[in-house]
Amino acid sequence: MTVSWSLTITAPGRIDTTMGIADHDAAVTAVLAAAQAAIDDARVSAVPAVRYELRAAMELVAIIQTGADEDGSPDHATSALLQRIEIGRYLSASPR
């Protein structure tokens, strides 16, 4: 069964939403990949605090809030967090 997924990005002065459709497992993977791409873009463009809301099948996958590091530069070090979410899905999956 296909479900929708969405990534909503809230940054100073803008709100963007990216959406797609896939089967449930692929939807979670797609929204995690979309979030990683958006975070990489924000890191390159030095966007300050950004909030990422990830959903699949209308369920919350994660909310990630970036901030500033000790020097006041944007802190977008979230790649490891996204990887842990993806790995955690497989470790907690029930056997079929």
C-alpha atoms as a PDB file:
ATOM      1  CA  MET A   1       0.000   0.000   0.000  1.00  0.00           C
ATOM      2  CA  THR A   2       1.341   3.424  -0.887  1.00  0.00           C
ATOM      3  CA  VAL A   3       1.414   6.256   1.614  1.00  0.00           C
ATOM      4  CA  SER A   4       2.394   9.883   1.440  1.00  0.00           C
ATOM      5  CA  TRP A   5       5.498  11.356   3.024  1.00  0.00           C
ATOM      6  CA  SER A   6       6.380  14.968   3.664  1.00  0.00           C
ATOM      7  CA  LEU A   7       9.260  17.106   4.813  1.00  0.00           C
ATOM      8  CA  THR A   8       8.379  20.551   6.136  1.00  0.00           C
ATOM      9  CA  ILE A   9      11.256  22.970   6.564  1.00  0.00           C
ATOM     10  CA  THR A  10      10.748  26.057   8.693  1.00  0.00           C
ATOM     11  CA  ALA A  11      13.518  28.657   8.513  1.00  0.00           C
ATOM     12  CA  PRO A  12      13.601  32.380   9.184  1.00  0.00           C
ATOM     13  CA  GLY A  13      11.277  33.964   6.651  1.00  0.00           C
ATOM     14  CA  ARG A  14      10.171  30.788   4.865  1.00  0.00           C
ATOM     15  CA  ILE A  15       8.340  27.495   5.120  1.00  0.00           C
ATOM     16  CA  ASP A  16       8.856  24.827   2.434  1.00  0.00           C
ATOM     17  CA  THR A  17       7.200  21.438   2.102  1.00  0.00           C
ATOM     18  CA  THR A  18       8.334  18.561  -0.086  1.00  0.00           C
ATOM     19  CA  MET A  19       5.974  15.615  -0.546  1.00  0.00           C
ATOM     20  CA  GLY A  20       5.963  12.247  -2.243  1.00  0.00           C
ATOM     21  CA  ILE A  21       4.277   8.852  -2.345  1.00  0.00           C
ATOM     22  CA  ALA A  22       5.798   5.398  -1.808  1.00  0.00           C
ATOM     23  CA  ASP A  23       5.136   2.173   0.052  1.00  0.00           C
ATOM     24  CA  HIS A  24       5.509   2.666   3.819  1.00  0.00           C
ATOM     25  CA  ASP A  25       9.139   1.567   4.267  1.00  0.00           C
ATOM     26  CA  ALA A  26      10.226   3.433   1.148  1.00  0.00           C
ATOM     27  CA  ALA A  27       8.323   6.526   2.322  1.00  0.00           C
ATOM     28  CA  VAL A  28      10.298   6.667   5.568  1.00  0.00           C
ATOM     29  CA  THR A  29      13.551   6.183   3.678  1.00  0.00           C
ATOM     30  CA  ALA A  30      12.526   8.872   1.158  1.00  0.00           C
ATOM     31  CA  VAL A  31      11.707  11.441   3.827  1.00  0.00           C
ATOM     32  CA  LEU A  32      14.996  10.726   5.621  1.00  0.00           C
ATOM     33  CA  ALA A  33      16.885  11.171   2.334  1.00  0.00           C
ATOM     34  CA  ALA A  34      15.004  14.398   1.581  1.00  0.00           C
ATOM     35  CA  ALA A  35      15.856  15.702   5.051  1.00  0.00           C
ATOM     36  CA  GLN A  36      19.536  14.831   4.589  1.00  0.00           C
ATOM     37  CA  ALA A  37      19.608  16.679   1.253  1.00  0.00           C
ATOM     38  CA  ALA A  38      17.895  19.724   2.773  1.00  0.00           C
ATOM     39  CA  ILE A  39      20.272  19.733   5.741  1.00  0.00           C
ATOM     40  CA  ASP A  40      23.259  19.510   3.385  1.00  0.00           C
ATOM     41  CA  ASP A  41      21.884  22.470   1.403  1.00  0.00           C
ATOM     42  CA  ALA A  42      21.327  24.489   4.589  1.00  0.00           C
ATOM     43  CA  ARG A  43      24.864  23.745   5.745  1.00  0.00           C
ATOM     44  CA  VAL A  44      26.332  24.980   2.449  1.00  0.00           C
ATOM     45  CA  SER A  45      24.216  28.132   2.395  1.00  0.00           C
ATOM     46  CA  ALA A  46      24.859  28.792   6.127  1.00  0.00           C
ATOM     47  CA  VAL A  47      21.158  29.083   6.941  1.00  0.00           C
ATOM     48  CA  PRO A  48      20.719  29.692  10.680  1.00  0.00           C
ATOM     49  CA  ALA A  49      18.302  27.732  12.884  1.00  0.00           C
ATOM     50  CA  VAL A  50      16.065  25.481  10.821  1.00  0.00           C
ATOM     51  CA  ARG A  51      13.304  23.087  11.884  1.00  0.00           C
ATOM     52  CA  TYR A  52      12.674  19.896   9.909  1.00  0.00           C
ATOM     53  CA  GLU A  53       9.457  17.940  10.409  1.00  0.00           C
ATOM     54  CA  LEU A  54       9.500  14.486   8.808  1.00  0.00           C
ATOM     55  CA  ARG A  55       6.279  12.510   8.321  1.00  0.00           C
ATOM     56  CA  ALA A  56       5.380   9.239   6.616  1.00  0.00           C
ATOM     57  CA  ALA A  57       1.827   7.879   6.411  1.00  0.00           C
ATOM     58  CA  MET A  58       0.758  10.995   8.346  1.00  0.00           C
ATOM     59  CA  GLU A  59       2.829   9.785  11.315  1.00  0.00           C
ATOM     60  CA  LEU A  60       5.686  11.772  12.773  1.00  0.00           C
ATOM     61  CA  VAL A  61       9.073  10.260  11.946  1.00  0.00           C
ATOM     62  CA  ALA A  62      11.205  13.013  13.521  1.00  0.00           C
ATOM     63  CA  ILE A  63      11.459  16.681  14.333  1.00  0.00           C
ATOM     64  CA  ILE A  64      14.964  18.050  13.998  1.00  0.00           C
ATOM     65  CA  GLN A  65      15.856  21.548  15.135  1.00  0.00           C
ATOM     66  CA  THR A  66      19.235  22.958  14.198  1.00  0.00           C
ATOM     67  CA  GLY A  67      20.800  25.856  16.002  1.00  0.00           C
ATOM     68  CA  ALA A  68      24.083  27.702  16.283  1.00  0.00           C
ATOM     69  CA  ASP A  69      27.423  26.342  17.430  1.00  0.00           C
ATOM     70  CA  GLU A  70      29.792  27.969  19.924  1.00  0.00           C
ATOM     71  CA  ASP A  71      30.961  30.496  17.310  1.00  0.00           C
ATOM     72  CA  GLY A  72      27.423  31.483  16.319  1.00  0.00           C
ATOM     73  CA  SER A  73      27.655  29.593  13.016  1.00  0.00           C
ATOM     74  CA  PRO A  74      24.773  27.338  11.926  1.00  0.00           C
ATOM     75  CA  ASP A  75      25.023  23.849  13.455  1.00  0.00           C
ATOM     76  CA  HIS A  76      23.658  21.313  10.996  1.00  0.00           C
ATOM     77  CA  ALA A  77      25.489  18.236  12.321  1.00  0.00           C
ATOM     78  CA  THR A  78      22.503  15.933  12.016  1.00  0.00           C
ATOM     79  CA  SER A  79      23.700  13.291   9.550  1.00  0.00           C
ATOM     80  CA  ALA A  80      24.484  10.857  12.351  1.00  0.00           C
ATOM     81  CA  LEU A  81      21.003  11.373  13.823  1.00  0.00           C
ATOM     82  CA  LEU A  82      19.316  10.570  10.503  1.00  0.00           C
ATOM     83  CA  GLN A  83      21.487   7.474  10.133  1.00  0.00           C
ATOM     84  CA  ARG A  84      20.540   6.303  13.649  1.00  0.00           C
ATOM     85  CA  ILE A  85      16.834   6.739  12.817  1.00  0.00           C
ATOM     86  CA  GLU A  86      17.237   4.665   9.650  1.00  0.00           C
ATOM     87  CA  ILE A  87      19.270   1.940  11.399  1.00  0.00           C
ATOM     88  CA  GLY A  88      16.872   1.925  14.354  1.00  0.00           C
ATOM     89  CA  ARG A  89      13.977   1.161  12.021  1.00  0.00           C
ATOM     90  CA  TYR A  90      15.621  -2.069  10.938  1.00  0.00           C
ATOM     91  CA  LEU A  91      16.779  -3.091  14.381  1.00  0.00           C
ATOM     92  CA  SER A  92      13.288  -2.651  15.814  1.00  0.00           C
ATOM     93  CA  ALA A  93      11.395  -4.181  12.880  1.00  0.00           C
ATOM     94  CA  SER A  94       9.312  -7.194  13.807  1.00  0.00           C
ATOM     95  CA  PRO A  95      10.248 -10.455  12.089  1.00  0.00           C
ATOM     96  CA  ARG A  96       7.943 -11.469   9.264  1.00  0.00           C
END
